[in-house]
N, C-alpha and C. Protein backbone atom coordinates (compact mmCIF):
# COMPACT_ATOMS: atom_id res chain seq x y z
N UNK A 1 88.25 -38.07 -78.28
CA UNK A 1 87.97 -38.84 -77.03
C UNK A 1 87.43 -40.10 -77.31
N UNK A 2 86.36 -40.41 -78.28
CA UNK A 2 86.00 -41.79 -78.37
C UNK A 2 86.57 -42.92 -78.93
N UNK A 3 87.71 -42.16 -79.48
CA UNK A 3 88.69 -43.35 -80.07
C UNK A 3 89.79 -43.85 -78.99
N UNK A 4 89.87 -42.89 -78.02
CA UNK A 4 90.61 -43.22 -77.11
C UNK A 4 90.29 -43.89 -76.00
N UNK A 5 88.68 -43.87 -75.67
CA UNK A 5 88.06 -44.48 -74.60
C UNK A 5 87.86 -45.98 -75.21
N UNK A 6 87.76 -46.26 -76.51
CA UNK A 6 87.65 -47.48 -77.07
C UNK A 6 89.18 -48.30 -76.65
N UNK A 7 90.32 -47.42 -76.97
CA UNK A 7 91.47 -47.99 -76.80
C UNK A 7 91.82 -48.45 -75.46
N UNK A 8 91.07 -47.63 -74.59
CA UNK A 8 91.34 -47.79 -73.24
C UNK A 8 90.64 -49.36 -72.92
N UNK A 9 89.30 -49.15 -73.34
CA UNK A 9 88.63 -50.17 -72.92
C UNK A 9 89.26 -51.56 -73.40
N UNK A 10 89.87 -51.32 -74.64
CA UNK A 10 90.48 -52.77 -75.37
C UNK A 10 91.61 -53.30 -74.59
N UNK A 11 92.41 -52.18 -73.95
CA UNK A 11 93.45 -52.47 -73.06
C UNK A 11 92.88 -52.94 -72.00
N UNK A 12 91.71 -52.61 -71.33
CA UNK A 12 91.59 -53.26 -69.98
C UNK A 12 90.91 -54.60 -70.19
N UNK A 13 90.15 -54.94 -71.30
CA UNK A 13 89.82 -56.24 -71.73
C UNK A 13 90.99 -57.13 -71.73
N UNK A 14 92.10 -56.69 -72.44
CA UNK A 14 93.07 -57.52 -72.51
C UNK A 14 94.03 -57.77 -71.30
N UNK A 15 94.04 -56.81 -70.42
CA UNK A 15 94.87 -57.27 -69.09
C UNK A 15 93.59 -58.05 -68.11
N UNK A 16 92.48 -57.93 -68.45
CA UNK A 16 91.48 -58.74 -67.48
C UNK A 16 91.70 -60.24 -68.21
N UNK A 17 91.90 -60.65 -69.44
CA UNK A 17 92.06 -61.76 -70.11
C UNK A 17 93.41 -62.45 -69.66
N UNK A 18 94.50 -61.47 -69.79
CA UNK A 18 95.81 -61.86 -69.62
C UNK A 18 96.39 -62.27 -67.96
N UNK A 19 95.40 -61.65 -66.95
CA UNK A 19 95.41 -62.08 -65.88
C UNK A 19 94.58 -62.97 -65.39
N UNK A 20 93.80 -63.72 -66.21
CA UNK A 20 92.78 -64.90 -65.94
C UNK A 20 93.19 -65.98 -65.24
N UNK A 21 94.52 -66.27 -65.48
CA UNK A 21 94.84 -67.43 -64.82
C UNK A 21 95.11 -67.48 -63.45
N UNK A 22 95.03 -65.99 -62.79
CA UNK A 22 95.35 -65.74 -61.27
C UNK A 22 93.80 -65.72 -61.27
N UNK A 23 93.19 -67.13 -60.24
CA UNK A 23 91.88 -67.01 -59.87
C UNK A 23 91.83 -68.00 -58.60
N UNK A 24 90.76 -67.64 -57.61
CA UNK A 24 90.68 -68.45 -56.63
C UNK A 24 89.38 -69.36 -56.94
N UNK A 25 89.45 -71.02 -56.72
CA UNK A 25 88.41 -71.40 -57.22
C UNK A 25 87.48 -71.68 -55.88
N UNK A 26 86.17 -71.53 -55.88
CA UNK A 26 85.29 -71.58 -54.80
C UNK A 26 84.07 -72.42 -55.17
N UNK A 27 84.00 -73.74 -54.91
CA UNK A 27 82.56 -74.54 -55.44
C UNK A 27 82.82 -74.47 -57.21
N UNK A 28 81.68 -73.65 -57.69
CA UNK A 28 81.43 -73.95 -59.30
C UNK A 28 81.98 -72.71 -59.39
N UNK A 29 82.60 -71.58 -58.96
CA UNK A 29 82.97 -70.44 -59.57
C UNK A 29 84.63 -70.14 -59.46
N UNK A 30 84.90 -69.39 -60.08
CA UNK A 30 86.24 -69.02 -60.10
C UNK A 30 86.36 -67.57 -59.73
N UNK A 31 86.64 -67.09 -58.52
CA UNK A 31 87.01 -65.74 -58.16
C UNK A 31 87.91 -65.23 -58.84
N UNK A 32 88.06 -63.93 -59.10
CA UNK A 32 88.95 -63.41 -60.22
C UNK A 32 89.41 -61.73 -59.83
N UNK A 33 90.31 -61.57 -58.70
CA UNK A 33 90.21 -60.17 -58.15
C UNK A 33 90.77 -59.32 -59.07
N UNK A 34 91.31 -59.85 -60.25
CA UNK A 34 91.89 -58.61 -61.18
C UNK A 34 90.65 -58.37 -62.02
N UNK A 35 89.71 -59.10 -62.21
CA UNK A 35 88.61 -58.32 -62.95
C UNK A 35 87.86 -57.21 -62.29
N UNK A 36 87.90 -57.44 -60.64
CA UNK A 36 87.29 -56.27 -60.03
C UNK A 36 88.24 -55.01 -60.03
N UNK A 37 89.35 -55.24 -60.14
CA UNK A 37 90.40 -54.33 -60.38
C UNK A 37 90.31 -53.33 -61.58
N UNK A 38 89.91 -54.28 -62.73
CA UNK A 38 89.61 -53.72 -64.19
C UNK A 38 88.30 -53.00 -63.76
N UNK A 39 87.61 -53.37 -63.21
CA UNK A 39 86.06 -52.73 -63.24
C UNK A 39 86.38 -51.50 -62.51
N UNK A 40 86.78 -51.26 -61.29
CA UNK A 40 87.20 -50.06 -60.94
C UNK A 40 87.99 -48.87 -61.73
N UNK A 41 88.94 -49.78 -62.46
CA UNK A 41 89.43 -48.73 -63.64
C UNK A 41 88.75 -48.41 -64.46
N UNK A 42 88.21 -49.21 -65.26
CA UNK A 42 87.25 -48.92 -66.19
C UNK A 42 86.05 -47.73 -65.89
N UNK A 43 85.54 -48.12 -64.66
CA UNK A 43 84.36 -47.48 -64.24
C UNK A 43 84.56 -46.09 -64.01
N UNK A 44 85.80 -45.61 -63.20
CA UNK A 44 86.30 -44.35 -63.09
C UNK A 44 86.89 -43.71 -64.55
N UNK A 45 87.61 -44.39 -65.20
CA UNK A 45 88.38 -43.75 -66.30
C UNK A 45 87.44 -43.52 -67.55
N UNK A 46 86.43 -44.40 -67.66
CA UNK A 46 85.42 -44.55 -68.93
C UNK A 46 84.18 -44.41 -68.83
N UNK A 47 83.47 -44.70 -67.39
CA UNK A 47 82.20 -44.69 -67.28
C UNK A 47 81.57 -45.69 -67.14
N UNK A 48 80.14 -45.78 -66.70
CA UNK A 48 79.37 -46.95 -66.64
C UNK A 48 79.42 -47.98 -67.69
N UNK A 49 78.94 -47.28 -68.83
CA UNK A 49 78.72 -48.10 -70.13
C UNK A 49 79.88 -48.96 -70.57
N UNK A 50 81.08 -48.14 -70.48
CA UNK A 50 82.39 -48.85 -70.92
C UNK A 50 82.84 -50.00 -69.68
N UNK A 51 82.47 -49.71 -68.73
CA UNK A 51 82.98 -50.66 -67.53
C UNK A 51 82.27 -51.76 -67.69
N UNK A 52 80.75 -51.88 -68.11
CA UNK A 52 80.01 -53.06 -68.16
C UNK A 52 80.34 -53.76 -69.50
N UNK A 53 80.66 -53.13 -70.59
CA UNK A 53 81.43 -53.54 -71.88
C UNK A 53 82.64 -54.30 -71.57
N UNK A 54 83.38 -53.62 -70.81
CA UNK A 54 84.79 -54.49 -70.49
C UNK A 54 84.53 -55.66 -69.72
N UNK A 55 83.64 -55.65 -68.81
CA UNK A 55 83.40 -56.80 -67.87
C UNK A 55 82.81 -57.94 -68.85
N UNK A 56 81.86 -57.43 -69.62
CA UNK A 56 81.14 -58.40 -70.52
C UNK A 56 81.89 -58.84 -71.70
N UNK A 57 82.91 -58.19 -72.16
CA UNK A 57 83.78 -58.72 -73.18
C UNK A 57 84.90 -59.49 -72.51
N UNK A 58 85.61 -59.21 -71.49
CA UNK A 58 86.31 -60.28 -70.58
C UNK A 58 85.82 -61.44 -70.23
N UNK A 59 84.65 -61.34 -69.72
CA UNK A 59 83.84 -62.96 -69.30
C UNK A 59 83.56 -63.74 -70.48
N UNK A 60 83.55 -63.15 -71.60
CA UNK A 60 83.06 -63.59 -72.90
C UNK A 60 84.55 -64.43 -73.26
N UNK A 61 85.52 -63.89 -73.27
CA UNK A 61 86.74 -64.25 -73.73
C UNK A 61 87.44 -65.40 -72.71
N UNK A 62 87.27 -65.08 -71.60
CA UNK A 62 87.59 -65.84 -70.48
C UNK A 62 86.71 -67.23 -70.49
N UNK A 63 85.57 -67.00 -70.87
CA UNK A 63 84.85 -68.41 -70.80
C UNK A 63 84.74 -69.11 -72.13
N UNK A 64 85.32 -68.40 -73.50
CA UNK A 64 85.57 -69.13 -74.57
C UNK A 64 86.92 -69.93 -74.39
N UNK A 65 87.89 -69.11 -73.47
CA UNK A 65 89.41 -69.77 -73.24
C UNK A 65 89.16 -70.80 -72.38
N UNK A 66 88.08 -71.04 -71.68
CA UNK A 66 88.02 -71.87 -70.46
C UNK A 66 88.62 -71.44 -69.23
N UNK A 67 88.75 -70.23 -69.07
CA UNK A 67 89.38 -69.71 -67.71
C UNK A 67 88.47 -68.93 -66.78
N UNK A 68 86.99 -69.07 -67.50
CA UNK A 68 86.17 -68.76 -66.38
C UNK A 68 84.77 -69.47 -66.56
N UNK A 69 83.67 -68.97 -65.80
CA UNK A 69 82.53 -69.66 -65.55
C UNK A 69 81.32 -68.61 -66.06
N UNK A 70 80.25 -68.98 -66.22
CA UNK A 70 79.13 -67.63 -66.35
C UNK A 70 78.91 -67.27 -65.55
N UNK A 71 79.26 -67.43 -64.15
CA UNK A 71 79.21 -66.55 -63.13
C UNK A 71 80.06 -65.16 -63.19
N UNK A 72 80.91 -65.06 -64.08
CA UNK A 72 81.70 -63.76 -64.29
C UNK A 72 80.82 -62.95 -64.87
N UNK A 73 79.80 -63.24 -65.34
CA UNK A 73 78.63 -62.10 -66.10
C UNK A 73 78.05 -61.49 -65.02
N UNK A 74 77.25 -61.88 -63.93
CA UNK A 74 76.66 -61.10 -63.17
C UNK A 74 77.53 -60.65 -62.09
N UNK A 75 78.51 -61.28 -61.82
CA UNK A 75 79.98 -60.83 -60.75
C UNK A 75 80.48 -59.46 -61.31
N UNK A 76 80.78 -59.77 -62.58
CA UNK A 76 81.64 -58.74 -63.16
C UNK A 76 80.71 -57.58 -63.81
N UNK A 77 79.70 -57.82 -64.14
CA UNK A 77 78.98 -56.64 -65.04
C UNK A 77 78.17 -55.85 -64.16
N UNK A 78 77.66 -56.54 -62.82
CA UNK A 78 76.69 -55.71 -61.98
C UNK A 78 77.66 -54.69 -61.37
N UNK A 79 78.88 -55.45 -60.56
CA UNK A 79 79.94 -54.61 -59.96
C UNK A 79 80.07 -53.41 -60.83
N UNK A 80 80.77 -53.81 -62.10
CA UNK A 80 81.21 -52.67 -63.14
C UNK A 80 80.05 -51.45 -63.12
N UNK A 81 78.80 -51.73 -63.33
CA UNK A 81 77.83 -50.89 -63.67
C UNK A 81 77.67 -50.08 -62.30
N UNK A 82 77.45 -50.55 -60.96
CA UNK A 82 77.35 -49.70 -59.81
C UNK A 82 78.43 -48.83 -59.62
N UNK A 83 79.79 -49.43 -59.79
CA UNK A 83 81.03 -48.57 -59.83
C UNK A 83 80.98 -47.40 -60.57
N UNK A 84 80.59 -47.76 -61.76
CA UNK A 84 80.53 -46.52 -62.90
C UNK A 84 79.48 -45.55 -62.47
N UNK A 85 78.22 -46.05 -61.98
CA UNK A 85 77.40 -45.04 -61.57
C UNK A 85 77.68 -44.18 -60.19
N UNK A 86 78.30 -45.22 -59.27
CA UNK A 86 78.50 -44.29 -58.10
C UNK A 86 79.74 -43.41 -58.33
N UNK A 87 80.69 -43.70 -59.30
CA UNK A 87 81.44 -42.48 -59.56
C UNK A 87 80.98 -41.32 -60.18
N UNK A 88 80.15 -41.91 -61.26
CA UNK A 88 79.42 -40.74 -62.09
C UNK A 88 78.63 -39.66 -61.00
N UNK A 89 78.28 -40.23 -60.12
CA UNK A 89 77.37 -39.54 -58.99
C UNK A 89 78.03 -38.62 -58.29
N UNK A 90 78.88 -39.05 -57.82
CA UNK A 90 80.01 -38.38 -56.73
C UNK A 90 81.40 -38.03 -57.08
N UNK A 91 81.83 -38.40 -58.36
CA UNK A 91 83.17 -38.07 -58.58
C UNK A 91 84.22 -38.64 -57.65
N UNK A 92 83.91 -39.52 -56.83
CA UNK A 92 84.73 -40.25 -55.71
C UNK A 92 85.26 -41.58 -55.97
N UNK A 93 86.48 -41.88 -56.02
CA UNK A 93 86.82 -43.16 -56.59
C UNK A 93 86.72 -44.24 -55.28
N UNK A 94 86.25 -43.83 -54.29
CA UNK A 94 86.15 -44.61 -53.23
C UNK A 94 84.54 -44.80 -53.29
N UNK A 95 83.73 -44.15 -53.41
CA UNK A 95 82.41 -44.66 -54.05
C UNK A 95 82.35 -45.56 -55.00
N UNK A 96 83.14 -45.28 -56.02
CA UNK A 96 83.23 -46.29 -57.01
C UNK A 96 83.63 -47.78 -56.74
N UNK A 97 84.40 -47.80 -55.75
CA UNK A 97 85.24 -48.97 -54.70
C UNK A 97 83.98 -49.51 -54.22
N UNK A 98 83.02 -48.89 -53.41
CA UNK A 98 81.95 -49.45 -52.91
C UNK A 98 80.93 -49.88 -53.60
N UNK A 99 80.84 -49.11 -54.67
CA UNK A 99 79.83 -49.67 -55.76
C UNK A 99 80.26 -50.88 -56.30
N UNK A 100 81.54 -51.15 -56.29
CA UNK A 100 81.92 -52.36 -57.11
C UNK A 100 81.88 -53.63 -56.17
N UNK A 101 82.11 -53.14 -54.63
CA UNK A 101 82.05 -54.37 -53.64
C UNK A 101 80.58 -54.49 -53.52
N UNK A 102 79.79 -53.70 -53.52
CA UNK A 102 78.31 -54.10 -53.19
C UNK A 102 77.75 -54.68 -54.52
N UNK A 103 77.96 -54.19 -55.61
CA UNK A 103 77.50 -54.64 -56.91
C UNK A 103 77.95 -56.23 -56.95
N UNK A 104 79.31 -56.49 -57.07
CA UNK A 104 79.65 -57.82 -56.99
C UNK A 104 79.23 -58.51 -56.04
N UNK A 105 79.81 -58.17 -54.82
CA UNK A 105 79.65 -59.05 -53.30
C UNK A 105 78.13 -59.28 -53.09
N UNK A 106 77.14 -58.50 -53.16
CA UNK A 106 75.88 -58.63 -52.87
C UNK A 106 75.03 -59.05 -54.04
N UNK A 107 75.07 -58.23 -54.86
CA UNK A 107 73.83 -58.33 -55.89
C UNK A 107 74.55 -59.17 -57.26
N UNK A 108 75.85 -59.19 -57.11
CA UNK A 108 76.42 -60.41 -58.09
C UNK A 108 76.16 -61.84 -57.69
N UNK A 109 76.42 -61.84 -56.29
CA UNK A 109 76.38 -63.18 -55.89
C UNK A 109 74.84 -63.64 -55.82
N UNK A 110 73.95 -62.84 -55.42
CA UNK A 110 72.35 -63.07 -55.60
C UNK A 110 72.10 -63.62 -56.90
N UNK A 111 72.41 -62.63 -58.03
CA UNK A 111 71.97 -63.09 -59.33
C UNK A 111 72.59 -64.37 -59.58
N UNK A 112 73.91 -64.65 -59.01
CA UNK A 112 74.60 -65.81 -59.53
C UNK A 112 73.95 -67.34 -58.85
N UNK A 113 73.51 -66.98 -57.72
CA UNK A 113 73.10 -68.07 -56.84
C UNK A 113 71.54 -68.29 -57.31
N UNK A 114 70.71 -67.40 -57.64
CA UNK A 114 69.48 -67.51 -57.99
C UNK A 114 68.96 -67.62 -59.31
N UNK A 115 69.83 -67.25 -60.29
CA UNK A 115 69.46 -67.30 -61.61
C UNK A 115 70.52 -67.92 -62.54
N UNK A 116 71.97 -67.55 -62.46
CA UNK A 116 72.88 -68.07 -63.60
C UNK A 116 73.40 -69.43 -63.11
N UNK A 117 73.45 -70.01 -62.05
CA UNK A 117 73.96 -71.06 -61.65
C UNK A 117 72.68 -72.30 -61.55
N UNK A 118 71.55 -71.82 -61.44
CA UNK A 118 70.60 -73.13 -61.36
C UNK A 118 70.07 -73.12 -63.20
N UNK A 119 69.93 -71.95 -63.31
CA UNK A 119 69.27 -71.96 -64.79
C UNK A 119 70.17 -71.98 -66.04
N UNK A 120 71.31 -71.61 -65.94
CA UNK A 120 72.06 -71.72 -67.11
C UNK A 120 73.18 -72.86 -66.93
N UNK A 121 73.42 -73.10 -65.39
CA UNK A 121 74.62 -74.09 -65.31
C UNK A 121 74.13 -75.36 -64.90
N UNK A 122 72.88 -75.20 -64.52
CA UNK A 122 72.27 -76.54 -63.85
C UNK A 122 72.64 -76.85 -62.36
N UNK A 123 73.29 -76.02 -61.68
CA UNK A 123 73.77 -76.27 -60.68
C UNK A 123 73.40 -75.12 -59.32
N UNK A 124 73.62 -75.84 -58.04
CA UNK A 124 73.22 -75.21 -57.07
C UNK A 124 74.47 -74.69 -56.10
N UNK A 125 74.48 -73.78 -55.18
CA UNK A 125 75.54 -73.44 -54.66
C UNK A 125 74.73 -72.53 -53.18
N UNK A 126 75.31 -72.88 -52.20
CA UNK A 126 74.94 -71.97 -50.94
C UNK A 126 75.29 -70.63 -51.15
N UNK A 127 74.28 -69.86 -50.89
CA UNK A 127 74.52 -68.22 -51.03
C UNK A 127 75.64 -67.75 -50.17
N UNK A 128 75.28 -68.03 -49.05
CA UNK A 128 76.63 -67.44 -48.08
C UNK A 128 77.97 -67.95 -48.55
N UNK A 129 78.11 -69.23 -49.22
CA UNK A 129 79.53 -69.45 -49.64
C UNK A 129 79.71 -68.62 -50.73
N UNK A 130 79.12 -68.29 -51.71
CA UNK A 130 79.31 -67.64 -52.91
C UNK A 130 79.43 -66.02 -52.56
N UNK A 131 78.64 -65.85 -51.74
CA UNK A 131 78.47 -64.24 -51.37
C UNK A 131 79.93 -63.80 -50.65
N UNK A 132 80.50 -64.75 -49.86
CA UNK A 132 81.61 -64.62 -49.01
C UNK A 132 82.83 -64.41 -50.22
N UNK A 133 82.93 -65.42 -51.02
CA UNK A 133 83.75 -65.70 -52.14
C UNK A 133 83.82 -64.32 -52.99
N UNK A 134 82.92 -63.87 -53.38
CA UNK A 134 82.68 -62.93 -54.43
C UNK A 134 82.94 -61.53 -53.67
N UNK A 135 82.71 -61.53 -52.11
CA UNK A 135 83.10 -60.53 -51.50
C UNK A 135 84.56 -60.11 -51.21
N UNK A 136 85.31 -61.17 -50.80
CA UNK A 136 86.62 -61.20 -50.85
C UNK A 136 87.55 -60.78 -51.93
N UNK A 137 87.05 -61.89 -53.14
CA UNK A 137 87.39 -61.49 -54.40
C UNK A 137 87.49 -59.94 -54.74
N UNK A 138 86.20 -59.38 -54.50
CA UNK A 138 86.01 -58.02 -55.10
C UNK A 138 86.50 -56.92 -54.01
N UNK A 139 86.73 -57.20 -53.00
CA UNK A 139 87.31 -56.31 -51.76
C UNK A 139 88.89 -56.35 -52.18
N UNK A 140 89.66 -57.42 -52.55
CA UNK A 140 91.00 -57.41 -52.90
C UNK A 140 91.16 -56.60 -54.25
N UNK A 141 90.14 -57.38 -55.01
CA UNK A 141 90.43 -56.29 -56.53
C UNK A 141 90.18 -55.01 -56.36
N UNK A 142 89.24 -54.47 -55.64
CA UNK A 142 88.77 -53.24 -55.54
C UNK A 142 89.95 -52.43 -54.69
N UNK A 143 90.68 -52.76 -53.93
CA UNK A 143 91.76 -52.13 -53.21
C UNK A 143 92.98 -52.15 -54.20
N UNK A 144 93.16 -53.36 -55.04
CA UNK A 144 94.14 -52.80 -56.07
C UNK A 144 93.83 -51.82 -57.12
N UNK A 145 92.56 -51.77 -57.51
CA UNK A 145 92.12 -50.72 -58.26
C UNK A 145 92.36 -49.32 -57.96
N UNK A 146 91.85 -49.17 -56.65
CA UNK A 146 92.02 -47.93 -55.92
C UNK A 146 93.36 -47.63 -55.96
N UNK A 147 94.27 -48.60 -55.52
CA UNK A 147 95.89 -48.04 -55.49
C UNK A 147 96.25 -47.80 -56.89
N UNK A 148 95.78 -48.37 -57.93
CA UNK A 148 96.30 -48.05 -59.41
C UNK A 148 95.95 -46.99 -59.83
N UNK A 149 94.68 -46.29 -59.22
CA UNK A 149 94.16 -45.25 -59.63
C UNK A 149 95.08 -43.83 -58.98
N UNK A 150 95.44 -44.14 -57.53
CA UNK A 150 96.58 -43.00 -57.30
C UNK A 150 97.60 -43.43 -58.10
N UNK A 151 98.18 -44.36 -58.41
CA UNK A 151 99.50 -44.58 -59.22
C UNK A 151 99.52 -43.61 -60.53
N UNK A 152 98.01 -43.87 -61.11
CA UNK A 152 98.17 -43.40 -62.49
C UNK A 152 97.82 -41.89 -62.30
N UNK A 153 97.19 -41.34 -61.20
CA UNK A 153 97.05 -39.92 -61.13
C UNK A 153 98.32 -39.54 -60.87
N UNK A 154 99.31 -39.92 -59.92
CA UNK A 154 100.52 -39.40 -59.90
C UNK A 154 101.32 -39.32 -60.97
N UNK A 155 101.45 -40.43 -61.74
CA UNK A 155 102.29 -40.49 -62.82
C UNK A 155 101.71 -39.53 -64.19
N UNK A 156 100.52 -38.76 -63.88
CA UNK A 156 100.08 -37.93 -64.71
C UNK A 156 99.19 -38.79 -65.96
N UNK A 157 98.84 -40.10 -65.90
CA UNK A 157 98.23 -40.57 -66.92
C UNK A 157 96.88 -40.70 -66.82
N UNK A 158 96.07 -40.01 -65.55
CA UNK A 158 94.83 -40.14 -65.37
C UNK A 158 94.58 -38.91 -64.25
N UNK A 159 93.73 -38.05 -65.04
CA UNK A 159 93.13 -36.86 -64.23
C UNK A 159 91.82 -37.10 -63.51
N UNK A 160 91.57 -37.15 -62.53
CA UNK A 160 90.05 -36.82 -62.01
C UNK A 160 89.43 -35.73 -62.51
């Protein structure tokens, strides 16, 4: 089972990186709905630890390729963690989706505006702007992730 989970995690990272050219620029950030879709999928299918690792590795690779910003770390990782914890606690995919939206839209944007942007990027950005952008991005990605889980379940690829 461990090998299968690692293989799935690698596939999720690859999908996230492959879809990285699809983003919405907002100020100093690049909002990336596909990452939030992957966060929901990895949180539900693999658990919180793997979900955070997938988000972190995708952020590293995207940044190395010039396709992301440092804001990908708090935005992706916090959402993935909350999605994974919510699913682990409830076994409900919609709770995982809510965890992703709250983790990225609220907590990820707060961490980005108050810590990452000023300390590591030397820039500032209005909280409301980033919170709206992160929330729209994560909401769209979360809906895609939930739809993908339904399709995977119906296709017999994933069982709750």
